[in-house]
């Protein structure tokens, strides 16, 4: 790692620590007086900005009674969506062990799942169903892992059993995350979370991310596979439109 890259990593890590201390005071103050804290998703959004992400939001996120289904490239996805919408998350279990980011996600009601734990799917579905009854959005990354830039993997429908049938009034909103030409932020394969985080923090320049909140739809009567396919088709169409 070059000296300038090392300094960028140190500066951004220091900025994350400073933001953490400030937001922990705010979060603790709300909890101390018995109020629900609004600070965890705001803090995650702040961390995205410290990392160098400049987020543009297209469309309107449904604020509650909604399940977001999004494509997935990076741990930054969680920071940015949380900051833009206040969403909680269902994320792969490996993220729990990522330094700092994993712990921050637990503050924001993240449900970590092991996609290979077939015996635990029923429990995970029940936990997700309970989360959908709260007054905040919930995001699922139905590809089941991160995908390469410009790639959209098949959507896995197992966890969508939580909305088959859906809670009354629930809508599904597809979300397309577009990093433009910032391909190196992708967290792929067996790359350790610490390695990816260090590479992103040491990166020169800004990371442009456009979050497209696409048209929501009513999943009632569709079945989980049809819901997954409809959301994927919407995101794929947005990807094609963005590439033209």
Foldseek 3Di string as FASTA:
>chain_A
DDPLLVVLLVQLVVVLVVLVVVLVVQCVVCVVVPHHGLRLLLSLLVNLVSLFEDEAEADDDDWALEEEAEAAFALNVSSNCSNRHVAQEEEEQLLCPQPPSNVSNVVSVYHYDHPPPPVCLVVLLVVVLVVRVDGGYYYYHQLRFHDFAPDGHQGHQSSVVNPVVHDPPHKYWYKYKHQDPPRLLGDDDPDRSHVSSSPSSSDPHHTYIYIYGHDIDRCHPPDRNSVRVVSSVRNVVVSVVVVD
